[in-house]
C-alpha atoms as a PDB file:
ATOM      1  CA  MET A   1       0.000   0.000   0.000  1.00  0.00           C
ATOM      2  CA  ALA A   2       1.451   3.378  -1.044  1.00  0.00           C
ATOM      3  CA  LYS A   3       1.805   5.986   1.665  1.00  0.00           C
ATOM      4  CA  ASP A   4      -0.087   9.218   1.076  1.00  0.00           C
ATOM      5  CA  PRO A   5       2.502  12.073   1.204  1.00  0.00           C
ATOM      6  CA  ARG A   6      -0.033  14.287   2.970  1.00  0.00           C
ATOM      7  CA  MET A   7      -0.476  11.825   5.846  1.00  0.00           C
ATOM      8  CA  GLY A   8       2.566  12.708   8.000  1.00  0.00           C
ATOM      9  CA  ALA A   9       1.848  13.746  11.542  1.00  0.00           C
ATOM     10  CA  TYR A  10       4.815  15.766  12.733  1.00  0.00           C
ATOM     11  CA  MET A  11       4.266  18.251  15.523  1.00  0.00           C
ATOM     12  CA  ILE A  12       5.886  21.686  15.488  1.00  0.00           C
ATOM     13  CA  GLY A  13       8.571  20.757  18.045  1.00  0.00           C
ATOM     14  CA  VAL A  14       9.743  17.789  15.992  1.00  0.00           C
ATOM     15  CA  VAL A  15       9.827  19.823  12.765  1.00  0.00           C
ATOM     16  CA  SER A  16      11.623  22.645  14.567  1.00  0.00           C
ATOM     17  CA  MET A  17      14.388  20.359  15.846  1.00  0.00           C
ATOM     18  CA  ARG A  18      14.681  18.391  12.610  1.00  0.00           C
ATOM     19  CA  TYR A  19      15.253  21.485  10.465  1.00  0.00           C
ATOM     20  CA  GLY A  20      16.958  23.743  13.006  1.00  0.00           C
ATOM     21  CA  VAL A  21      14.185  26.313  12.776  1.00  0.00           C
ATOM     22  CA  HIS A  22      12.638  28.122  15.729  1.00  0.00           C
ATOM     23  CA  PRO A  23       8.932  27.268  16.225  1.00  0.00           C
ATOM     24  CA  GLN A  24       8.099  30.975  15.858  1.00  0.00           C
ATOM     25  CA  THR A  25       9.630  30.870  12.378  1.00  0.00           C
ATOM     26  CA  LEU A  26       7.285  28.036  11.443  1.00  0.00           C
ATOM     27  CA  ARG A  27       4.354  30.010  12.836  1.00  0.00           C
ATOM     28  CA  LEU A  28       5.485  33.041  10.814  1.00  0.00           C
ATOM     29  CA  TYR A  29       5.613  30.945   7.631  1.00  0.00           C
ATOM     30  CA  GLU A  30       2.062  29.846   8.368  1.00  0.00           C
ATOM     31  CA  ARG A  31       0.862  33.437   9.000  1.00  0.00           C
ATOM     32  CA  GLU A  32       2.491  34.521   5.741  1.00  0.00           C
ATOM     33  CA  GLY A  33       0.686  31.726   3.886  1.00  0.00           C
ATOM     34  CA  LEU A  34       3.860  29.880   2.923  1.00  0.00           C
ATOM     35  CA  LEU A  35       2.944  26.748   4.891  1.00  0.00           C
ATOM     36  CA  ALA A  36      -0.478  25.373   5.776  1.00  0.00           C
ATOM     37  CA  PRO A  37      -0.177  22.518   8.284  1.00  0.00           C
ATOM     38  CA  SER A  38      -3.329  20.711   9.295  1.00  0.00           C
ATOM     39  CA  ARG A  39      -4.701  21.018  12.814  1.00  0.00           C
ATOM     40  CA  THR A  40      -6.022  18.555  15.360  1.00  0.00           C
ATOM     41  CA  GLU A  41      -9.255  19.194  17.221  1.00  0.00           C
ATOM     42  CA  GLY A  42      -7.120  20.722  19.973  1.00  0.00           C
ATOM     43  CA  LYS A  43      -5.561  23.103  17.373  1.00  0.00           C
ATOM     44  CA  THR A  44      -2.140  21.407  17.421  1.00  0.00           C
ATOM     45  CA  ARG A  45      -0.295  21.871  14.136  1.00  0.00           C
ATOM     46  CA  LEU A  46       0.469  18.669  12.257  1.00  0.00           C
ATOM     47  CA  TYR A  47       2.961  18.857   9.414  1.00  0.00           C
ATOM     48  CA  SER A  48       2.613  16.324   6.600  1.00  0.00           C
ATOM     49  CA  ASP A  49       5.425  14.957   4.447  1.00  0.00           C
ATOM     50  CA  GLU A  50       4.183  17.323   1.742  1.00  0.00           C
ATOM     51  CA  ASP A  51       4.467  20.253   4.189  1.00  0.00           C
ATOM     52  CA  LEU A  52       8.024  19.189   5.042  1.00  0.00           C
ATOM     53  CA  GLU A  53       9.000  19.115   1.356  1.00  0.00           C
ATOM     54  CA  ARG A  54       7.607  22.627   0.989  1.00  0.00           C
ATOM     55  CA  LEU A  55       9.483  23.734   4.128  1.00  0.00           C
ATOM     56  CA  GLU A  56      12.732  22.308   2.733  1.00  0.00           C
ATOM     57  CA  PHE A  57      12.169  24.308  -0.454  1.00  0.00           C
ATOM     58  CA  ILE A  58      11.492  27.482   1.576  1.00  0.00           C
ATOM     59  CA  LEU A  59      14.599  26.935   3.691  1.00  0.00           C
ATOM     60  CA  ASN A  60      16.677  26.331   0.578  1.00  0.00           C
ATOM     61  CA  LEU A  61      15.481  29.646  -0.850  1.00  0.00           C
ATOM     62  CA  THR A  62      16.014  31.625   2.356  1.00  0.00           C
ATOM     63  CA  ARG A  63      19.181  30.034   3.760  1.00  0.00           C
ATOM     64  CA  ASP A  64      21.101  29.016   0.672  1.00  0.00           C
ATOM     65  CA  LEU A  65      19.962  31.604  -1.864  1.00  0.00           C
ATOM     66  CA  GLY A  66      19.223  34.572   0.412  1.00  0.00           C
ATOM     67  CA  VAL A  67      15.678  35.094  -0.862  1.00  0.00           C
ATOM     68  CA  ASN A  68      13.427  37.157   1.442  1.00  0.00           C
ATOM     69  CA  LEU A  69       9.898  36.044   2.362  1.00  0.00           C
ATOM     70  CA  ALA A  70       8.273  38.214  -0.310  1.00  0.00           C
ATOM     71  CA  GLY A  71      10.488  36.532  -2.897  1.00  0.00           C
ATOM     72  CA  VAL A  72       9.700  33.115  -1.456  1.00  0.00           C
ATOM     73  CA  GLU A  73       5.994  33.866  -1.828  1.00  0.00           C
ATOM     74  CA  VAL A  74       6.488  34.810  -5.485  1.00  0.00           C
ATOM     75  CA  VAL A  75       8.603  31.734  -6.232  1.00  0.00           C
ATOM     76  CA  LEU A  76       6.131  29.399  -4.505  1.00  0.00           C
ATOM     77  CA  GLY A  77       3.236  30.994  -6.374  1.00  0.00           C
ATOM     78  CA  LEU A  78       4.998  30.505  -9.704  1.00  0.00           C
ATOM     79  CA  ARG A  79       5.935  26.946  -8.760  1.00  0.00           C
ATOM     80  CA  ASP A  80       2.326  26.132  -7.855  1.00  0.00           C
ATOM     81  CA  ARG A  81       1.044  27.689 -11.088  1.00  0.00           C
ATOM     82  CA  LEU A  82       3.557  25.692 -13.126  1.00  0.00           C
ATOM     83  CA  HIS A  83       2.486  22.495 -11.359  1.00  0.00           C
ATOM     84  CA  HIS A  84      -1.197  23.182 -12.111  1.00  0.00           C
ATOM     85  CA  MET A  85      -0.415  24.010 -15.732  1.00  0.00           C
ATOM     86  CA  GLN A  86       1.511  20.743 -16.103  1.00  0.00           C
ATOM     87  CA  GLU A  87      -1.450  18.823 -14.692  1.00  0.00           C
ATOM     88  CA  ASP A  88      -3.786  20.603 -17.132  1.00  0.00           C
ATOM     89  CA  LEU A  89      -1.448  19.814 -20.023  1.00  0.00           C
ATOM     90  CA  GLU A  90      -1.318  16.135 -19.049  1.00  0.00           C
ATOM     91  CA  ARG A  91      -5.141  15.971 -18.836  1.00  0.00           C
ATOM     92  CA  LEU A  92      -5.435  17.646 -22.239  1.00  0.00           C
ATOM     93  CA  ALA A  93      -2.964  15.194 -23.750  1.00  0.00           C
ATOM     94  CA  GLN A  94      -5.002  12.285 -22.327  1.00  0.00           C
ATOM     95  CA  VAL A  95      -8.219  13.709 -23.794  1.00  0.00           C
ATOM     96  CA  LEU A  96      -6.600  14.196 -27.186  1.00  0.00           C
ATOM     97  CA  GLU A  97      -5.138  10.715 -27.100  1.00  0.00           C
ATOM     98  CA  ALA A  98      -8.530   9.241 -26.166  1.00  0.00           C
ATOM     99  CA  ALA A  99     -10.047  11.125 -29.109  1.00  0.00           C
ATOM    100  CA  GLY A 100      -7.670   9.311 -31.446  1.00  0.00           C
ATOM    101  CA  LEU A 101      -5.116  12.060 -31.898  1.00  0.00           C
ATOM    102  CA  LYS A 102      -2.089   9.967 -30.965  1.00  0.00           C
ATOM    103  CA  ASP A 103       0.444  12.164 -32.762  1.00  0.00           C
ATOM    104  CA  VAL A 104       0.176  14.928 -30.181  1.00  0.00           C
ATOM    105  CA  PRO A 105       3.649  16.317 -29.459  1.00  0.00           C
ATOM    106  CA  GLN A 106       4.764  15.637 -25.890  1.00  0.00           C
ATOM    107  CA  PRO A 107       6.918  18.003 -23.830  1.00  0.00           C
ATOM    108  CA  THR A 108      10.564  17.011 -24.111  1.00  0.00           C
ATOM    109  CA  SER A 109      11.601  18.071 -20.619  1.00  0.00           C
ATOM    110  CA  SER A 110      10.269  17.347 -17.155  1.00  0.00           C
ATOM    111  CA  THR A 111       9.426  21.043 -16.757  1.00  0.00           C
ATOM    112  CA  GLY A 112       7.220  21.021 -19.843  1.00  0.00           C
ATOM    113  CA  LEU A 113       9.061  24.024 -21.237  1.00  0.00           C
ATOM    114  CA  VAL A 114       9.601  24.346 -24.962  1.00  0.00           C
ATOM    115  CA  LYS A 115      13.103  25.138 -26.148  1.00  0.00           C
ATOM    116  CA  LEU A 116      13.269  28.288 -28.249  1.00  0.00           C
ATOM    117  CA  THR A 117      15.549  28.623 -31.238  1.00  0.00           C
ATOM    118  CA  THR A 118      17.138  31.791 -32.558  1.00  0.00           C
ATOM    119  CA  HIS A 119      14.900  31.612 -35.614  1.00  0.00           C
ATOM    120  CA  GLY A 120      12.362  34.398 -35.391  1.00  0.00           C
ATOM    121  CA  LEU A 121      14.128  36.269 -32.599  1.00  0.00           C
ATOM    122  CA  ARG A 122      15.439  39.739 -33.294  1.00  0.00           C
ATOM    123  CA  LYS A 123      18.773  40.981 -32.078  1.00  0.00           C
ATOM    124  CA  ARG A 124      19.053  44.513 -30.753  1.00  0.00           C
END
């Protein structure tokens, strides 16, 4: 049975120690909308594996790359939009394939980005 990545149950103290982050920092990330841990009936924060992956990404941006929280918000927003667009593209490809259009070009990279050539671009 595959484990659901959203099913982790890590409390704030455990996450804080594991990542070397003060609990207030985790609360700040939640207030800023960067993280959204689930809550128990007693309002205890529970961080899932998915939340921890997102936290690792945030910490990579802030610690390693020096990005401020406003920049982190922008990057996460773009990352989420790209993820949703990739899902939409995959659904569209499935619909087209089901309709008998099997020669639909597939993205060549994992990001789904199309490589541009110099043809058609103007130099300044």
